[in-house]
Amino acid sequence: MNQKEKEAYIIKQYQEDEEVMVRIFIQWCHEHNLDPEKIYHEAYPAQPPNSLLQKLKEESEVFDMMVDSGTLINVLQVFGNDDLAFIVSKYAKR
């Protein structure tokens, strides 16, 4: 595998992992009767709407599983979404 192939592989893996993170966030919001786009906007008011979030929200099926708030917060922080993790923690305490 040459350097270009390695870079493409790493980018693809990151994008797939990011998609999983967004799906987990959407599931958590569903479990708590919250709008994921509203929560995202609360965390990042200066950013435009997140296109991946919108896309996955539209096509996401609801899973019969519970997403623990602590797990979601950890996953968000791994991806550098500290502001969103902070907002999630505020809602989780309610």
Protein backbone atom coordinates (compact mmCIF):
# COMPACT_ATOMS: atom_id res chain seq x y z
CA MET A 1 0.00 0.00 0.00
CA ASN A 2 1.53 3.29 -1.05
CA GLN A 3 1.28 6.59 0.85
CA LYS A 4 -1.71 7.86 -1.14
CA GLU A 5 -3.64 4.61 -0.53
CA LYS A 6 -2.84 4.78 3.18
CA GLU A 7 -4.11 8.35 3.40
CA ALA A 8 -7.31 7.43 1.53
CA TYR A 9 -7.83 4.46 3.85
CA ILE A 10 -7.35 6.59 6.98
CA ILE A 11 -9.77 9.24 5.70
CA LYS A 12 -12.37 6.59 4.83
CA GLN A 13 -12.07 4.99 8.28
CA TYR A 14 -12.43 8.36 10.00
CA GLN A 15 -15.53 9.19 7.96
CA GLU A 16 -17.10 5.83 8.81
CA ASP A 17 -16.32 6.31 12.50
CA GLU A 18 -17.71 9.84 12.39
CA GLU A 19 -20.93 8.47 10.88
CA VAL A 20 -21.22 6.00 13.76
CA MET A 21 -20.72 8.85 16.24
CA VAL A 22 -23.50 10.87 14.61
CA ARG A 23 -25.85 7.85 14.60
CA ILE A 24 -25.17 7.31 18.33
CA PHE A 25 -25.92 11.00 18.97
CA ILE A 26 -29.17 10.79 16.99
CA GLN A 27 -30.20 7.66 18.91
CA TRP A 28 -29.47 9.30 22.26
CA CYS A 29 -31.50 12.35 21.27
CA HIS A 30 -34.39 10.12 20.21
CA GLU A 31 -34.31 8.32 23.56
CA HIS A 32 -34.50 11.68 25.36
CA ASN A 33 -37.13 13.21 23.04
CA LEU A 34 -34.68 15.86 21.85
CA ASP A 35 -34.06 17.27 18.38
CA PRO A 36 -30.43 16.48 17.46
CA GLU A 37 -30.18 19.48 15.13
CA LYS A 38 -31.37 21.81 17.89
CA ILE A 39 -28.87 20.35 20.36
CA TYR A 40 -26.08 20.59 17.78
CA HIS A 41 -26.97 24.23 17.05
CA GLU A 42 -26.95 24.97 20.78
CA ALA A 43 -23.38 23.66 20.98
CA TYR A 44 -22.22 25.32 17.76
CA PRO A 45 -24.43 28.38 17.14
CA ALA A 46 -22.01 30.01 14.68
CA GLN A 47 -21.78 26.96 12.44
CA PRO A 48 -24.12 26.22 9.56
CA PRO A 49 -26.38 23.18 9.90
CA ASN A 50 -24.43 19.93 9.88
CA SER A 51 -25.15 18.19 6.56
CA LEU A 52 -24.14 14.73 7.82
CA LEU A 53 -26.41 15.11 10.84
CA GLN A 54 -29.31 16.19 8.63
CA LYS A 55 -28.74 13.33 6.19
CA LEU A 56 -28.47 10.64 8.86
CA LYS A 57 -31.40 12.04 10.84
CA GLU A 58 -33.60 11.67 7.76
CA GLU A 59 -32.49 8.15 6.95
CA SER A 60 -31.78 6.89 10.44
CA GLU A 61 -33.88 4.14 11.81
CA VAL A 62 -34.51 4.03 15.52
CA PHE A 63 -32.75 1.14 17.19
CA ASP A 64 -34.03 -0.87 20.09
CA MET A 65 -31.06 -0.04 22.29
CA MET A 66 -30.19 2.47 24.94
CA VAL A 67 -27.23 4.80 24.56
CA ASP A 68 -25.71 5.70 27.90
CA SER A 69 -25.10 9.44 28.31
CA GLY A 70 -21.55 8.86 29.55
CA THR A 71 -20.73 6.71 26.54
CA LEU A 72 -22.05 9.35 24.16
CA ILE A 73 -20.08 12.08 25.92
CA ASN A 74 -16.88 10.00 25.67
CA VAL A 75 -17.45 9.29 21.98
CA LEU A 76 -18.10 12.96 21.25
CA GLN A 77 -14.90 13.95 23.07
CA VAL A 78 -12.84 11.41 21.12
CA PHE A 79 -13.90 13.25 17.97
CA GLY A 80 -13.13 16.65 19.48
CA ASN A 81 -16.77 17.65 19.93
CA ASP A 82 -16.21 18.99 23.44
CA ASP A 83 -18.84 21.72 23.13
CA LEU A 84 -21.46 19.21 22.06
CA ALA A 85 -20.39 16.83 24.84
CA PHE A 86 -20.88 19.67 27.33
CA ILE A 87 -24.41 20.39 26.06
CA VAL A 88 -25.26 16.67 26.13
CA SER A 89 -24.07 16.47 29.73
CA LYS A 90 -26.36 19.39 30.65
CA TYR A 91 -29.36 17.64 29.09
CA ALA A 92 -28.38 14.30 30.64
CA LYS A 93 -28.56 15.84 34.12
CA ARG A 94 -32.15 17.02 33.57
